[in-house]
Amino acid sequence: MRVSTLWRGEKIWTGTEFVTGVLVEAGRVVATGDAESLAAQTVSQTETLPGALVVPGLHDAHIH
């Protein structure tokens, strides 16, 4: 059984738009969108992020 986590928040930036939900399975984002719509899928756990701004990780691989 795959564990899926729904991250719910008011400000989740995908890089192109703000959404209210991110569905993660096995450590990978599998869907983004409206949290209510994503919750209709089989979700193992839900994490709520009140007042948080979530953005994609930005990694600079430039090293000296």
N, C-alpha and C. Protein backbone atom coordinates (compact mmCIF):
# COMPACT_ATOMS: atom_id res chain seq x y z
N MET A 1 0.83 -1.18 0.00
CA MET A 1 0.00 0.00 0.00
C MET A 1 0.88 1.25 0.00
N ARG A 2 0.60 2.14 -0.91
CA ARG A 2 1.33 3.39 -0.97
C ARG A 2 0.78 4.38 0.03
N VAL A 3 1.68 5.06 0.69
CA VAL A 3 1.28 6.11 1.62
C VAL A 3 1.18 7.41 0.83
N SER A 4 0.05 8.07 0.92
CA SER A 4 -0.11 9.36 0.26
C SER A 4 -0.44 10.41 1.30
N THR A 5 0.15 11.57 1.13
CA THR A 5 -0.06 12.67 2.05
C THR A 5 -0.61 13.86 1.27
N LEU A 6 -1.67 14.43 1.78
CA LEU A 6 -2.23 15.65 1.20
C LEU A 6 -1.78 16.82 2.06
N TRP A 7 -1.04 17.73 1.47
CA TRP A 7 -0.61 18.96 2.14
C TRP A 7 -1.62 20.03 1.77
N ARG A 8 -2.30 20.61 2.78
CA ARG A 8 -3.33 21.63 2.56
C ARG A 8 -2.82 22.97 3.05
N GLY A 9 -2.99 23.99 2.25
CA GLY A 9 -2.58 25.33 2.64
C GLY A 9 -3.28 26.37 1.81
N GLU A 10 -3.16 27.61 2.24
CA GLU A 10 -3.80 28.70 1.52
C GLU A 10 -2.89 29.26 0.42
N LYS A 11 -1.58 29.15 0.62
CA LYS A 11 -0.62 29.72 -0.34
C LYS A 11 0.43 28.67 -0.70
N ILE A 12 0.13 27.87 -1.69
CA ILE A 12 1.09 26.89 -2.20
C ILE A 12 1.39 27.27 -3.64
N TRP A 13 2.62 27.67 -3.88
CA TRP A 13 3.05 28.13 -5.21
C TRP A 13 3.66 26.97 -5.97
N THR A 14 3.14 26.67 -7.15
CA THR A 14 3.64 25.55 -7.95
C THR A 14 4.72 25.98 -8.93
N GLY A 15 4.92 27.26 -9.05
CA GLY A 15 5.85 27.78 -10.06
C GLY A 15 5.09 28.47 -11.17
N THR A 16 3.80 28.15 -11.30
CA THR A 16 2.96 28.79 -12.32
C THR A 16 1.66 29.34 -11.74
N GLU A 17 1.24 28.83 -10.57
CA GLU A 17 -0.01 29.28 -9.98
C GLU A 17 -0.05 28.94 -8.49
N PHE A 18 -0.95 29.61 -7.77
CA PHE A 18 -1.20 29.25 -6.37
C PHE A 18 -2.30 28.20 -6.32
N VAL A 19 -2.12 27.17 -5.49
CA VAL A 19 -3.11 26.12 -5.29
C VAL A 19 -3.32 25.94 -3.78
N THR A 20 -4.30 25.13 -3.42
CA THR A 20 -4.56 24.90 -1.99
C THR A 20 -4.20 23.49 -1.56
N GLY A 21 -3.73 22.65 -2.49
CA GLY A 21 -3.37 21.29 -2.11
C GLY A 21 -2.26 20.69 -2.96
N VAL A 22 -1.45 19.85 -2.31
CA VAL A 22 -0.40 19.10 -2.99
C VAL A 22 -0.49 17.66 -2.51
N LEU A 23 -0.59 16.72 -3.43
CA LEU A 23 -0.66 15.31 -3.10
C LEU A 23 0.71 14.68 -3.35
N VAL A 24 1.25 14.03 -2.30
CA VAL A 24 2.58 13.44 -2.37
C VAL A 24 2.48 11.94 -2.11
N GLU A 25 3.12 11.14 -2.97
CA GLU A 25 3.20 9.68 -2.80
C GLU A 25 4.66 9.27 -2.93
N ALA A 26 5.13 8.48 -2.00
CA ALA A 26 6.50 7.96 -2.03
C ALA A 26 7.52 9.07 -2.21
N GLY A 27 7.27 10.23 -1.56
CA GLY A 27 8.21 11.33 -1.61
C GLY A 27 8.19 12.16 -2.87
N ARG A 28 7.22 11.92 -3.74
CA ARG A 28 7.12 12.67 -5.00
C ARG A 28 5.76 13.34 -5.12
N VAL A 29 5.77 14.55 -5.65
CA VAL A 29 4.51 15.26 -5.91
C VAL A 29 3.84 14.58 -7.09
N VAL A 30 2.61 14.12 -6.89
CA VAL A 30 1.88 13.46 -7.97
C VAL A 30 0.72 14.29 -8.49
N ALA A 31 0.29 15.29 -7.71
CA ALA A 31 -0.80 16.16 -8.17
C ALA A 31 -0.81 17.44 -7.36
N THR A 32 -1.25 18.51 -8.00
CA THR A 32 -1.48 19.78 -7.32
C THR A 32 -2.84 20.30 -7.76
N GLY A 33 -3.44 21.13 -6.93
CA GLY A 33 -4.73 21.70 -7.30
C GLY A 33 -5.55 22.05 -6.09
N ASP A 34 -6.85 22.01 -6.27
CA ASP A 34 -7.79 22.31 -5.20
C ASP A 34 -7.75 21.20 -4.15
N ALA A 35 -7.53 21.56 -2.89
CA ALA A 35 -7.39 20.58 -1.81
C ALA A 35 -8.63 19.70 -1.68
N GLU A 36 -9.80 20.27 -1.86
CA GLU A 36 -11.04 19.50 -1.74
C GLU A 36 -11.12 18.42 -2.83
N SER A 37 -10.73 18.77 -4.04
CA SER A 37 -10.74 17.79 -5.14
C SER A 37 -9.71 16.69 -4.90
N LEU A 38 -8.52 17.07 -4.42
CA LEU A 38 -7.48 16.08 -4.15
C LEU A 38 -7.86 15.17 -2.99
N ALA A 39 -8.61 15.69 -2.02
CA ALA A 39 -9.03 14.90 -0.86
C ALA A 39 -10.01 13.80 -1.26
N ALA A 40 -10.65 13.93 -2.41
CA ALA A 40 -11.57 12.92 -2.89
C ALA A 40 -10.83 11.64 -3.30
N GLN A 41 -9.52 11.74 -3.52
CA GLN A 41 -8.71 10.56 -3.84
C GLN A 41 -8.36 9.84 -2.54
N THR A 42 -7.82 8.66 -2.64
CA THR A 42 -7.42 7.91 -1.46
C THR A 42 -6.20 8.58 -0.84
N VAL A 43 -6.37 9.12 0.36
CA VAL A 43 -5.31 9.84 1.05
C VAL A 43 -5.06 9.17 2.39
N SER A 44 -3.80 8.82 2.67
CA SER A 44 -3.45 8.17 3.93
C SER A 44 -3.42 9.14 5.09
N GLN A 45 -2.90 10.34 4.84
CA GLN A 45 -2.80 11.34 5.90
C GLN A 45 -2.91 12.73 5.31
N THR A 46 -3.31 13.67 6.14
CA THR A 46 -3.44 15.07 5.73
C THR A 46 -2.64 15.94 6.68
N GLU A 47 -1.88 16.85 6.11
CA GLU A 47 -1.14 17.83 6.90
C GLU A 47 -1.66 19.21 6.52
N THR A 48 -1.98 20.01 7.52
CA THR A 48 -2.48 21.36 7.29
C THR A 48 -1.37 22.36 7.59
N LEU A 49 -1.23 23.34 6.73
CA LEU A 49 -0.17 24.33 6.84
C LEU A 49 -0.78 25.72 7.03
N PRO A 50 -1.33 26.01 8.21
CA PRO A 50 -2.00 27.30 8.40
C PRO A 50 -1.03 28.47 8.36
N GLY A 51 -1.34 29.43 7.50
CA GLY A 51 -0.53 30.65 7.42
C GLY A 51 0.82 30.49 6.74
N ALA A 52 1.13 29.32 6.23
CA ALA A 52 2.45 29.08 5.61
C ALA A 52 2.42 29.39 4.12
N LEU A 53 3.55 29.83 3.60
CA LEU A 53 3.76 29.97 2.17
C LEU A 53 4.65 28.81 1.75
N VAL A 54 4.18 27.99 0.83
CA VAL A 54 4.95 26.83 0.36
C VAL A 54 5.41 27.12 -1.06
N VAL A 55 6.71 26.95 -1.32
CA VAL A 55 7.28 27.16 -2.65
C VAL A 55 8.16 25.97 -3.00
N PRO A 56 8.38 25.73 -4.29
CA PRO A 56 9.28 24.64 -4.68
C PRO A 56 10.69 24.90 -4.16
N GLY A 57 11.42 23.84 -3.87
CA GLY A 57 12.80 23.98 -3.43
C GLY A 57 13.65 24.52 -4.56
N LEU A 58 14.44 25.52 -4.25
CA LEU A 58 15.33 26.11 -5.25
C LEU A 58 16.75 25.75 -4.85
N HIS A 59 17.46 25.04 -5.72
CA HIS A 59 18.80 24.56 -5.39
C HIS A 59 19.79 25.16 -6.39
N ASP A 60 20.82 25.78 -5.86
CA ASP A 60 21.88 26.33 -6.70
C ASP A 60 23.06 25.36 -6.62
N ALA A 61 23.33 24.67 -7.70
CA ALA A 61 24.40 23.69 -7.73
C ALA A 61 25.76 24.34 -8.06
N HIS A 62 25.78 25.65 -8.17
CA HIS A 62 27.02 26.36 -8.49
C HIS A 62 27.91 26.41 -7.24
N ILE A 63 29.03 25.70 -7.28
CA ILE A 63 29.93 25.62 -6.13
C ILE A 63 31.34 26.00 -6.56
N HIS A 64 32.06 26.66 -5.66
CA HIS A 64 33.48 26.98 -5.92
C HIS A 64 34.33 26.18 -4.98
